[in-house]
Amino acid sequence: MMSDANQQYIIEKFINVAEVSGWNRFFGGLKLAGGALQAVGGMAFATITSGTVVGAVAGGAVALKGVDDAIAGGRSLFSGRTMDTLTYQGVESITGSRYAAFVADIGLDVLALPVSAAGLSVAGRSIGTTTVYTSVNGNGAVKYVGITDNFGARAIAHHLRKGIGIKPVPGLTKLARTDARAVEQVLIETYGLGRDGGSLLNKINSIASDNRIYKVARASGARLTSPVRSLLRRWLPGAVEGLATAAEPVRKLVAVWPSAELKILSGQDRQSGESGRI
């Protein structure tokens, strides 16, 4: 028969292996990555729908929940123990029920999924073939704004006909033609036509102010040129790839950690047994 002391020792070792395990680290890594994507998707949705209070609030709430998940996941990844989100802790403290906290925590993530997915889809995808470009002089002043579906050919044409060089605007490539025109108009109004006292060599507007689509296009162009939206379009594709790469060590850790820890515990058991026999 096994003594009570040995039973207690085995139970403690079992609990230790269960709590500090590669699986907790694995799921913590997944939660960290998922929370980060949810936060980015929420911020993108809030930016895209900034014209509506409901959209901005919904996107902001989704982003905050994503940050909460990412923090809890990161703590689990590095500690090897299951860490509750602040949402979980808050609901549990109010209701006194761990079940209610679990349902609320998971339920909010499920409700956030379509919002974050919509934000990620619009912010990260390439929805067209048109590039917005500018020409900048030696003093750093923008002298020309344009759009093209063939940047290489347009760059050669500008060099030969106007004697200027052009560069794509970061974050404003692969746009739909209508979106590119809207952005072009916003930039034209920002720097001003030469005839109106501005710095541009452009002769006309991309969309005239008396055009029936002007107001809608102007608002769309303003959203597309916002610093946050531009940053998301530049950063998001690389971030998704980076998160996938970052998950690879977590996958390897899952394969190695439990067996490695069991070997360590087994070694400790043998040492304890040997010292006991002396």
C-alpha atoms as a PDB file:
ATOM      1  CA  MET A   1       0.000   0.000   0.000  1.00  0.00           C
ATOM      2  CA  MET A   2       1.159   3.512  -0.825  1.00  0.00           C
ATOM      3  CA  SER A   3       1.619   5.778   2.159  1.00  0.00           C
ATOM      4  CA  ASP A   4      -0.391   8.972   2.587  1.00  0.00           C
ATOM      5  CA  ALA A   5       2.790  11.015   2.143  1.00  0.00           C
ATOM      6  CA  ASN A   6       3.532   9.357  -1.201  1.00  0.00           C
ATOM      7  CA  GLN A   7      -0.071   9.837  -2.353  1.00  0.00           C
ATOM      8  CA  GLN A   8       0.092  13.509  -1.467  1.00  0.00           C
ATOM      9  CA  TYR A   9       3.424  13.832  -3.286  1.00  0.00           C
ATOM     10  CA  ILE A  10       1.990  12.285  -6.467  1.00  0.00           C
ATOM     11  CA  ILE A  11      -1.117  14.474  -6.305  1.00  0.00           C
ATOM     12  CA  GLU A  12       1.007  17.602  -5.947  1.00  0.00           C
ATOM     13  CA  LYS A  13       3.190  16.563  -8.880  1.00  0.00           C
ATOM     14  CA  PHE A  14       0.127  15.812 -11.002  1.00  0.00           C
ATOM     15  CA  ILE A  15      -1.417  19.185 -10.240  1.00  0.00           C
ATOM     16  CA  ASN A  16       1.876  20.883 -11.001  1.00  0.00           C
ATOM     17  CA  VAL A  17       2.144  19.180 -14.397  1.00  0.00           C
ATOM     18  CA  ALA A  18      -1.498  19.943 -15.196  1.00  0.00           C
ATOM     19  CA  GLU A  19      -1.300  23.614 -14.257  1.00  0.00           C
ATOM     20  CA  VAL A  20       2.145  24.419 -15.617  1.00  0.00           C
ATOM     21  CA  SER A  21       1.872  22.671 -18.942  1.00  0.00           C
ATOM     22  CA  GLY A  22       2.643  23.137 -22.598  1.00  0.00           C
ATOM     23  CA  TRP A  23      -1.072  23.055 -23.350  1.00  0.00           C
ATOM     24  CA  ASN A  24      -1.727  26.147 -21.263  1.00  0.00           C
ATOM     25  CA  ARG A  25       1.120  27.874 -23.078  1.00  0.00           C
ATOM     26  CA  PHE A  26      -0.262  26.738 -26.432  1.00  0.00           C
ATOM     27  CA  PHE A  27      -3.768  28.020 -25.776  1.00  0.00           C
ATOM     28  CA  GLY A  28      -2.291  31.160 -24.240  1.00  0.00           C
ATOM     29  CA  GLY A  29      -0.400  31.782 -27.468  1.00  0.00           C
ATOM     30  CA  LEU A  30      -3.572  31.280 -29.508  1.00  0.00           C
ATOM     31  CA  LYS A  31      -5.463  33.661 -27.234  1.00  0.00           C
ATOM     32  CA  LEU A  32      -2.695  36.246 -27.542  1.00  0.00           C
ATOM     33  CA  ALA A  33      -2.749  36.055 -31.345  1.00  0.00           C
ATOM     34  CA  GLY A  34      -6.547  36.023 -31.538  1.00  0.00           C
ATOM     35  CA  GLY A  35      -6.853  38.930 -29.137  1.00  0.00           C
ATOM     36  CA  ALA A  36      -4.323  40.958 -31.105  1.00  0.00           C
ATOM     37  CA  LEU A  37      -6.215  40.372 -34.362  1.00  0.00           C
ATOM     38  CA  GLN A  38      -9.505  41.206 -32.649  1.00  0.00           C
ATOM     39  CA  ALA A  39      -8.045  44.455 -31.331  1.00  0.00           C
ATOM     40  CA  VAL A  40      -6.763  45.440 -34.784  1.00  0.00           C
ATOM     41  CA  GLY A  41     -10.077  44.493 -36.391  1.00  0.00           C
ATOM     42  CA  GLY A  42     -11.999  46.526 -33.820  1.00  0.00           C
ATOM     43  CA  MET A  43      -9.803  49.589 -34.364  1.00  0.00           C
ATOM     44  CA  ALA A  44     -10.190  49.230 -38.122  1.00  0.00           C
ATOM     45  CA  PHE A  45     -13.972  48.937 -37.830  1.00  0.00           C
ATOM     46  CA  ALA A  46     -14.131  51.975 -35.548  1.00  0.00           C
ATOM     47  CA  THR A  47     -12.044  53.989 -38.014  1.00  0.00           C
ATOM     48  CA  ILE A  48     -14.004  52.886 -41.067  1.00  0.00           C
ATOM     49  CA  THR A  49     -17.357  53.633 -39.408  1.00  0.00           C
ATOM     50  CA  SER A  50     -16.168  56.740 -37.567  1.00  0.00           C
ATOM     51  CA  GLY A  51     -18.974  58.697 -39.194  1.00  0.00           C
ATOM     52  CA  THR A  52     -21.505  56.811 -37.057  1.00  0.00           C
ATOM     53  CA  VAL A  53     -21.504  56.806 -33.260  1.00  0.00           C
ATOM     54  CA  VAL A  54     -22.722  53.202 -33.079  1.00  0.00           C
ATOM     55  CA  GLY A  55     -19.963  51.918 -35.369  1.00  0.00           C
ATOM     56  CA  ALA A  56     -17.229  53.777 -33.534  1.00  0.00           C
ATOM     57  CA  VAL A  57     -18.454  52.582 -30.121  1.00  0.00           C
ATOM     58  CA  ALA A  58     -18.855  48.980 -31.302  1.00  0.00           C
ATOM     59  CA  GLY A  59     -15.407  48.937 -32.873  1.00  0.00           C
ATOM     60  CA  GLY A  60     -13.841  50.467 -29.772  1.00  0.00           C
ATOM     61  CA  ALA A  61     -15.523  47.927 -27.487  1.00  0.00           C
ATOM     62  CA  VAL A  62     -14.351  45.039 -29.662  1.00  0.00           C
ATOM     63  CA  ALA A  63     -10.811  46.433 -29.666  1.00  0.00           C
ATOM     64  CA  LEU A  64     -10.772  46.714 -25.860  1.00  0.00           C
ATOM     65  CA  LYS A  65     -12.005  43.120 -25.486  1.00  0.00           C
ATOM     66  CA  GLY A  66      -9.281  42.013 -27.882  1.00  0.00           C
ATOM     67  CA  VAL A  67      -6.636  43.764 -25.790  1.00  0.00           C
ATOM     68  CA  ASP A  68      -8.057  42.095 -22.669  1.00  0.00           C
ATOM     69  CA  ASP A  69      -7.832  38.661 -24.349  1.00  0.00           C
ATOM     70  CA  ALA A  70      -4.322  39.333 -25.655  1.00  0.00           C
ATOM     71  CA  ILE A  71      -3.029  40.325 -22.216  1.00  0.00           C
ATOM     72  CA  ALA A  72      -4.529  37.230 -20.563  1.00  0.00           C
ATOM     73  CA  GLY A  73      -3.199  35.027 -23.355  1.00  0.00           C
ATOM     74  CA  GLY A  74       0.266  36.533 -23.070  1.00  0.00           C
ATOM     75  CA  ARG A  75       0.316  35.926 -19.316  1.00  0.00           C
ATOM     76  CA  SER A  76      -0.707  32.292 -19.871  1.00  0.00           C
ATOM     77  CA  LEU A  77       1.926  31.866 -22.566  1.00  0.00           C
ATOM     78  CA  PHE A  78       4.751  33.046 -20.342  1.00  0.00           C
ATOM     79  CA  SER A  79       3.569  31.598 -17.022  1.00  0.00           C
ATOM     80  CA  GLY A  80       2.201  28.282 -18.233  1.00  0.00           C
ATOM     81  CA  ARG A  81      -0.924  28.795 -16.115  1.00  0.00           C
ATOM     82  CA  THR A  82      -4.484  29.672 -17.120  1.00  0.00           C
ATOM     83  CA  MET A  83      -5.038  33.405 -16.632  1.00  0.00           C
ATOM     84  CA  ASP A  84      -8.507  34.954 -16.547  1.00  0.00           C
ATOM     85  CA  THR A  85      -9.360  38.076 -18.511  1.00  0.00           C
ATOM     86  CA  LEU A  86     -10.393  41.254 -16.727  1.00  0.00           C
ATOM     87  CA  THR A  87     -13.841  40.722 -18.239  1.00  0.00           C
ATOM     88  CA  TYR A  88     -14.070  37.309 -16.597  1.00  0.00           C
ATOM     89  CA  GLN A  89     -12.872  38.647 -13.252  1.00  0.00           C
ATOM     90  CA  GLY A  90     -15.285  41.576 -13.364  1.00  0.00           C
ATOM     91  CA  VAL A  91     -18.356  39.447 -14.130  1.00  0.00           C
ATOM     92  CA  GLU A  92     -17.376  36.903 -11.485  1.00  0.00           C
ATOM     93  CA  SER A  93     -16.962  39.609  -8.842  1.00  0.00           C
ATOM     94  CA  ILE A  94     -20.390  41.054  -9.669  1.00  0.00           C
ATOM     95  CA  THR A  95     -22.358  37.815 -10.011  1.00  0.00           C
ATOM     96  CA  GLY A  96     -20.324  35.516  -7.783  1.00  0.00           C
ATOM     97  CA  SER A  97     -20.638  32.857 -10.467  1.00  0.00           C
ATOM     98  CA  ARG A  98     -17.719  31.427 -12.420  1.00  0.00           C
ATOM     99  CA  TYR A  99     -20.192  29.973 -14.920  1.00  0.00           C
ATOM    100  CA  ALA A 100     -21.714  33.397 -15.621  1.00  0.00           C
ATOM    101  CA  ALA A 101     -18.210  34.835 -15.984  1.00  0.00           C
ATOM    102  CA  PHE A 102     -17.257  32.107 -18.463  1.00  0.00           C
ATOM    103  CA  VAL A 103     -20.430  32.590 -20.544  1.00  0.00           C
ATOM    104  CA  ALA A 104     -19.988  36.378 -20.608  1.00  0.00           C
ATOM    105  CA  ASP A 105     -16.313  36.167 -21.551  1.00  0.00           C
ATOM    106  CA  ILE A 106     -16.861  33.701 -24.410  1.00  0.00           C
ATOM    107  CA  GLY A 107     -20.138  35.298 -25.467  1.00  0.00           C
ATOM    108  CA  LEU A 108     -18.582  38.728 -25.942  1.00  0.00           C
ATOM    109  CA  ASP A 109     -15.851  37.217 -28.122  1.00  0.00           C
ATOM    110  CA  VAL A 110     -18.482  35.475 -30.259  1.00  0.00           C
ATOM    111  CA  LEU A 111     -20.439  38.728 -30.656  1.00  0.00           C
ATOM    112  CA  ALA A 112     -17.203  40.568 -31.502  1.00  0.00           C
ATOM    113  CA  LEU A 113     -16.248  38.130 -34.264  1.00  0.00           C
ATOM    114  CA  PRO A 114     -18.287  39.658 -37.138  1.00  0.00           C
ATOM    115  CA  VAL A 115     -17.208  43.188 -36.204  1.00  0.00           C
ATOM    116  CA  SER A 116     -13.496  42.382 -36.039  1.00  0.00           C
ATOM    117  CA  ALA A 117     -13.733  40.226 -39.180  1.00  0.00           C
ATOM    118  CA  ALA A 118     -15.350  43.096 -41.074  1.00  0.00           C
ATOM    119  CA  GLY A 119     -12.677  45.514 -39.882  1.00  0.00           C
ATOM    120  CA  LEU A 120      -9.825  43.172 -40.808  1.00  0.00           C
ATOM    121  CA  SER A 121     -11.376  42.403 -44.180  1.00  0.00           C
ATOM    122  CA  VAL A 122     -11.787  46.024 -45.235  1.00  0.00           C
ATOM    123  CA  ALA A 123      -8.534  47.275 -43.711  1.00  0.00           C
ATOM    124  CA  GLY A 124      -6.273  44.525 -44.980  1.00  0.00           C
ATOM    125  CA  ARG A 125      -7.577  43.306 -48.290  1.00  0.00           C
ATOM    126  CA  SER A 126      -6.571  44.504 -51.746  1.00  0.00           C
ATOM    127  CA  ILE A 127      -9.840  45.499 -53.411  1.00  0.00           C
ATOM    128  CA  GLY A 128      -8.547  47.044 -56.623  1.00  0.00           C
ATOM    129  CA  THR A 129      -5.606  47.781 -58.871  1.00  0.00           C
ATOM    130  CA  THR A 130      -5.315  51.559 -58.660  1.00  0.00           C
ATOM    131  CA  THR A 131      -2.379  53.343 -57.009  1.00  0.00           C
ATOM    132  CA  VAL A 132      -2.379  56.892 -55.646  1.00  0.00           C
ATOM    133  CA  TYR A 133       0.939  58.663 -56.261  1.00  0.00           C
ATOM    134  CA  THR A 134       2.579  62.017 -55.678  1.00  0.00           C
ATOM    135  CA  SER A 135       5.547  63.966 -57.011  1.00  0.00           C
ATOM    136  CA  VAL A 136       7.645  65.847 -54.458  1.00  0.00           C
ATOM    137  CA  ASN A 137      10.269  68.513 -55.305  1.00  0.00           C
ATOM    138  CA  GLY A 138      13.665  68.969 -53.704  1.00  0.00           C
ATOM    139  CA  ASN A 139      12.193  71.144 -50.950  1.00  0.00           C
ATOM    140  CA  GLY A 140       9.742  68.444 -49.900  1.00  0.00           C
ATOM    141  CA  ALA A 141       6.690  70.185 -51.363  1.00  0.00           C
ATOM    142  CA  VAL A 142       4.091  68.022 -53.118  1.00  0.00           C
ATOM    143  CA  LYS A 143       3.891  69.207 -56.748  1.00  0.00           C
ATOM    144  CA  TYR A 144       1.606  66.643 -58.351  1.00  0.00           C
ATOM    145  CA  VAL A 145      -1.091  64.140 -57.315  1.00  0.00           C
ATOM    146  CA  GLY A 146      -2.428  61.367 -59.520  1.00  0.00           C
ATOM    147  CA  ILE A 147      -3.800  57.840 -59.798  1.00  0.00           C
ATOM    148  CA  THR A 148      -2.921  54.989 -62.145  1.00  0.00           C
ATOM    149  CA  ASP A 149      -3.471  51.297 -62.788  1.00  0.00           C
ATOM    150  CA  ASN A 150       0.024  50.956 -64.297  1.00  0.00           C
ATOM    151  CA  PHE A 151       2.507  52.742 -62.083  1.00  0.00           C
ATOM    152  CA  GLY A 152       5.607  51.828 -64.106  1.00  0.00           C
ATOM    153  CA  ALA A 153       4.212  53.207 -67.366  1.00  0.00           C
ATOM    154  CA  ARG A 154       2.898  56.339 -65.649  1.00  0.00           C
ATOM    155  CA  ALA A 155       6.263  56.997 -63.994  1.00  0.00           C
ATOM    156  CA  ILE A 156       8.018  56.870 -67.395  1.00  0.00           C
ATOM    157  CA  ALA A 157       5.386  59.111 -68.992  1.00  0.00           C
ATOM    158  CA  HIS A 158       5.701  61.758 -66.266  1.00  0.00           C
ATOM    159  CA  HIS A 159       9.482  61.722 -66.519  1.00  0.00           C
ATOM    160  CA  LEU A 160       9.425  62.194 -70.282  1.00  0.00           C
ATOM    161  CA  ARG A 161       6.577  64.703 -70.536  1.00  0.00           C
ATOM    162  CA  LYS A 162       6.795  66.697 -67.316  1.00  0.00           C
ATOM    163  CA  GLY A 163      10.311  65.971 -66.108  1.00  0.00           C
ATOM    164  CA  ILE A 164       9.103  64.851 -62.676  1.00  0.00           C
ATOM    165  CA  GLY A 165       9.468  61.672 -60.662  1.00  0.00           C
ATOM    166  CA  ILE A 166       6.581  60.053 -58.843  1.00  0.00           C
ATOM    167  CA  LYS A 167       6.204  57.695 -55.880  1.00  0.00           C
ATOM    168  CA  PRO A 168       3.246  55.631 -54.613  1.00  0.00           C
ATOM    169  CA  VAL A 169       1.616  56.916 -51.442  1.00  0.00           C
ATOM    170  CA  PRO A 170       2.246  54.269 -48.712  1.00  0.00           C
ATOM    171  CA  GLY A 171      -0.955  52.497 -47.734  1.00  0.00           C
ATOM    172  CA  LEU A 172      -2.863  53.831 -50.765  1.00  0.00           C
ATOM    173  CA  THR A 173      -2.107  51.189 -53.381  1.00  0.00           C
ATOM    174  CA  LYS A 174      -4.388  48.478 -54.790  1.00  0.00           C
ATOM    175  CA  LEU A 175      -7.479  50.589 -54.247  1.00  0.00           C
ATOM    176  CA  ALA A 176     -10.747  50.461 -56.144  1.00  0.00           C
ATOM    177  CA  ARG A 177     -10.809  53.135 -58.841  1.00  0.00           C
ATOM    178  CA  THR A 178     -13.629  55.065 -57.157  1.00  0.00           C
ATOM    179  CA  ASP A 179     -11.769  55.073 -53.834  1.00  0.00           C
ATOM    180  CA  ALA A 180      -8.559  56.199 -55.535  1.00  0.00           C
ATOM    181  CA  ARG A 181     -10.386  59.124 -57.176  1.00  0.00           C
ATOM    182  CA  ALA A 182     -11.832  60.124 -53.810  1.00  0.00           C
ATOM    183  CA  VAL A 183      -8.360  60.068 -52.227  1.00  0.00           C
ATOM    184  CA  GLU A 184      -6.912  62.019 -55.152  1.00  0.00           C
ATOM    185  CA  GLN A 185      -9.513  64.751 -54.644  1.00  0.00           C
ATOM    186  CA  VAL A 186      -8.773  64.975 -50.916  1.00  0.00           C
ATOM    187  CA  LEU A 187      -5.054  65.353 -51.645  1.00  0.00           C
ATOM    188  CA  ILE A 188      -5.711  67.945 -54.346  1.00  0.00           C
ATOM    189  CA  GLU A 189      -7.735  69.993 -51.874  1.00  0.00           C
ATOM    190  CA  THR A 190      -5.049  69.506 -49.221  1.00  0.00           C
ATOM    191  CA  TYR A 191      -2.197  70.872 -51.343  1.00  0.00           C
ATOM    192  CA  GLY A 192      -4.235  73.108 -53.679  1.00  0.00           C
ATOM    193  CA  LEU A 193      -4.286  73.607 -57.438  1.00  0.00           C
ATOM    194  CA  GLY A 194      -1.719  76.048 -58.791  1.00  0.00           C
ATOM    195  CA  ARG A 195      -4.458  78.205 -60.293  1.00  0.00           C
ATOM    196  CA  ASP A 196      -5.945  78.603 -56.821  1.00  0.00           C
ATOM    197  CA  GLY A 197      -2.648  79.517 -55.191  1.00  0.00           C
ATOM    198  CA  GLY A 198      -1.681  75.967 -54.191  1.00  0.00           C
ATOM    199  CA  SER A 199       1.516  74.041 -54.904  1.00  0.00           C
ATOM    200  CA  LEU A 200       0.205  71.489 -57.408  1.00  0.00           C
ATOM    201  CA  LEU A 201       0.863  71.320 -61.143  1.00  0.00           C
ATOM    202  CA  ASN A 202      -2.511  69.588 -61.573  1.00  0.00           C
ATOM    203  CA  LYS A 203      -4.868  71.545 -63.817  1.00  0.00           C
ATOM    204  CA  ILE A 204      -8.262  70.251 -62.620  1.00  0.00           C
ATOM    205  CA  ASN A 205      -9.939  68.498 -59.727  1.00  0.00           C
ATOM    206  CA  SER A 206     -10.450  64.747 -59.760  1.00  0.00           C
ATOM    207  CA  ILE A 207     -14.098  65.213 -58.735  1.00  0.00           C
ATOM    208  CA  ALA A 208     -15.730  68.611 -59.246  1.00  0.00           C
ATOM    209  CA  SER A 209     -17.525  70.173 -56.293  1.00  0.00           C
ATOM    210  CA  ASP A 210     -20.791  70.322 -58.265  1.00  0.00           C
ATOM    211  CA  ASN A 211     -20.652  66.610 -59.041  1.00  0.00           C
ATOM    212  CA  ARG A 212     -23.511  64.758 -57.331  1.00  0.00           C
ATOM    213  CA  ILE A 213     -21.092  62.232 -55.809  1.00  0.00           C
ATOM    214  CA  TYR A 214     -18.708  64.888 -54.467  1.00  0.00           C
ATOM    215  CA  LYS A 215     -19.821  64.910 -50.821  1.00  0.00           C
ATOM    216  CA  VAL A 216     -19.909  61.132 -50.483  1.00  0.00           C
ATOM    217  CA  ALA A 217     -16.594  60.725 -52.294  1.00  0.00           C
ATOM    218  CA  ARG A 218     -14.972  63.486 -50.236  1.00  0.00           C
ATOM    219  CA  ALA A 219     -15.995  61.778 -46.995  1.00  0.00           C
ATOM    220  CA  SER A 220     -14.763  58.403 -48.261  1.00  0.00           C
ATOM    221  CA  GLY A 221     -11.434  59.885 -49.316  1.00  0.00           C
ATOM    222  CA  ALA A 222     -10.994  61.536 -45.932  1.00  0.00           C
ATOM    223  CA  ARG A 223     -11.482  58.197 -44.166  1.00  0.00           C
ATOM    224  CA  LEU A 224      -9.061  56.422 -46.501  1.00  0.00           C
ATOM    225  CA  THR A 225      -6.358  59.021 -45.913  1.00  0.00           C
ATOM    226  CA  SER A 226      -6.729  59.040 -42.125  1.00  0.00           C
ATOM    227  CA  PRO A 227      -3.423  58.169 -40.408  1.00  0.00           C
ATOM    228  CA  VAL A 228      -4.904  55.144 -38.601  1.00  0.00           C
ATOM    229  CA  ARG A 229      -6.490  53.676 -41.749  1.00  0.00           C
ATOM    230  CA  SER A 230      -3.337  54.212 -43.780  1.00  0.00           C
ATOM    231  CA  LEU A 231      -1.240  52.582 -41.056  1.00  0.00           C
ATOM    232  CA  LEU A 232      -3.574  49.580 -40.926  1.00  0.00           C
ATOM    233  CA  ARG A 233      -3.384  49.030 -44.685  1.00  0.00           C
ATOM    234  CA  ARG A 234       0.413  49.142 -44.537  1.00  0.00           C
ATOM    235  CA  TRP A 235       0.863  47.098 -41.361  1.00  0.00           C
ATOM    236  CA  LEU A 236      -1.938  44.537 -41.308  1.00  0.00           C
ATOM    237  CA  PRO A 237      -0.802  42.067 -44.022  1.00  0.00           C
ATOM    238  CA  GLY A 238       2.645  41.826 -42.461  1.00  0.00           C
ATOM    239  CA  ALA A 239       1.155  41.573 -38.983  1.00  0.00           C
ATOM    240  CA  VAL A 240      -0.999  38.594 -39.925  1.00  0.00           C
ATOM    241  CA  GLU A 241       2.018  36.831 -41.395  1.00  0.00           C
ATOM    242  CA  GLY A 242       4.068  37.764 -38.334  1.00  0.00           C
ATOM    243  CA  LEU A 243       1.466  36.324 -35.966  1.00  0.00           C
ATOM    244  CA  ALA A 244       1.476  33.058 -37.928  1.00  0.00           C
ATOM    245  CA  THR A 245       5.262  32.923 -37.698  1.00  0.00           C
ATOM    246  CA  ALA A 246       5.157  33.745 -33.989  1.00  0.00           C
ATOM    247  CA  ALA A 247       2.770  30.845 -33.401  1.00  0.00           C
ATOM    248  CA  GLU A 248       5.283  28.323 -34.728  1.00  0.00           C
ATOM    249  CA  PRO A 249       7.458  28.275 -31.554  1.00  0.00           C
ATOM    250  CA  VAL A 250       4.270  27.794 -29.536  1.00  0.00           C
ATOM    251  CA  ARG A 251       3.405  24.750 -31.641  1.00  0.00           C
ATOM    252  CA  LYS A 252       6.881  23.319 -31.089  1.00  0.00           C
ATOM    253  CA  LEU A 253       6.642  24.075 -27.387  1.00  0.00           C
ATOM    254  CA  VAL A 254       3.496  21.980 -27.134  1.00  0.00           C
ATOM    255  CA  ALA A 255       5.301  18.995 -28.613  1.00  0.00           C
ATOM    256  CA  VAL A 256       8.312  19.313 -26.318  1.00  0.00           C
ATOM    257  CA  TRP A 257       7.194  20.874 -23.036  1.00  0.00           C
ATOM    258  CA  PRO A 258       5.000  18.166 -21.418  1.00  0.00           C
ATOM    259  CA  SER A 259       7.447  15.344 -22.090  1.00  0.00           C
ATOM    260  CA  ALA A 260      10.394  17.461 -21.016  1.00  0.00           C
ATOM    261  CA  GLU A 261       8.682  18.433 -17.780  1.00  0.00           C
ATOM    262  CA  LEU A 262       7.702  14.847 -17.059  1.00  0.00           C
ATOM    263  CA  LYS A 263      11.330  13.816 -17.550  1.00  0.00           C
ATOM    264  CA  ILE A 264      12.409  16.478 -15.071  1.00  0.00           C
ATOM    265  CA  LEU A 265       9.827  15.300 -12.542  1.00  0.00           C
ATOM    266  CA  SER A 266      10.833  11.686 -13.108  1.00  0.00           C
ATOM    267  CA  GLY A 267      14.438  12.639 -12.463  1.00  0.00           C
ATOM    268  CA  GLN A 268      13.402  14.372  -9.253  1.00  0.00           C
ATOM    269  CA  ASP A 269      11.445  11.278  -8.219  1.00  0.00           C
ATOM    270  CA  ARG A 270      14.469   9.041  -8.766  1.00  0.00           C
ATOM    271  CA  GLN A 271      16.676  11.423  -6.810  1.00  0.00           C
ATOM    272  CA  SER A 272      14.132  11.482  -3.970  1.00  0.00           C
ATOM    273  CA  GLY A 273      13.929   7.674  -4.021  1.00  0.00           C
ATOM    274  CA  GLU A 274      17.706   7.300  -3.980  1.00  0.00           C
ATOM    275  CA  SER A 275      18.089   9.756  -1.094  1.00  0.00           C
ATOM    276  CA  GLY A 276      15.360   7.896   0.744  1.00  0.00           C
ATOM    277  CA  ARG A 277      17.176   4.599   0.437  1.00  0.00           C
ATOM    278  CA  ILE A 278      20.458   5.979   1.810  1.00  0.00           C
END
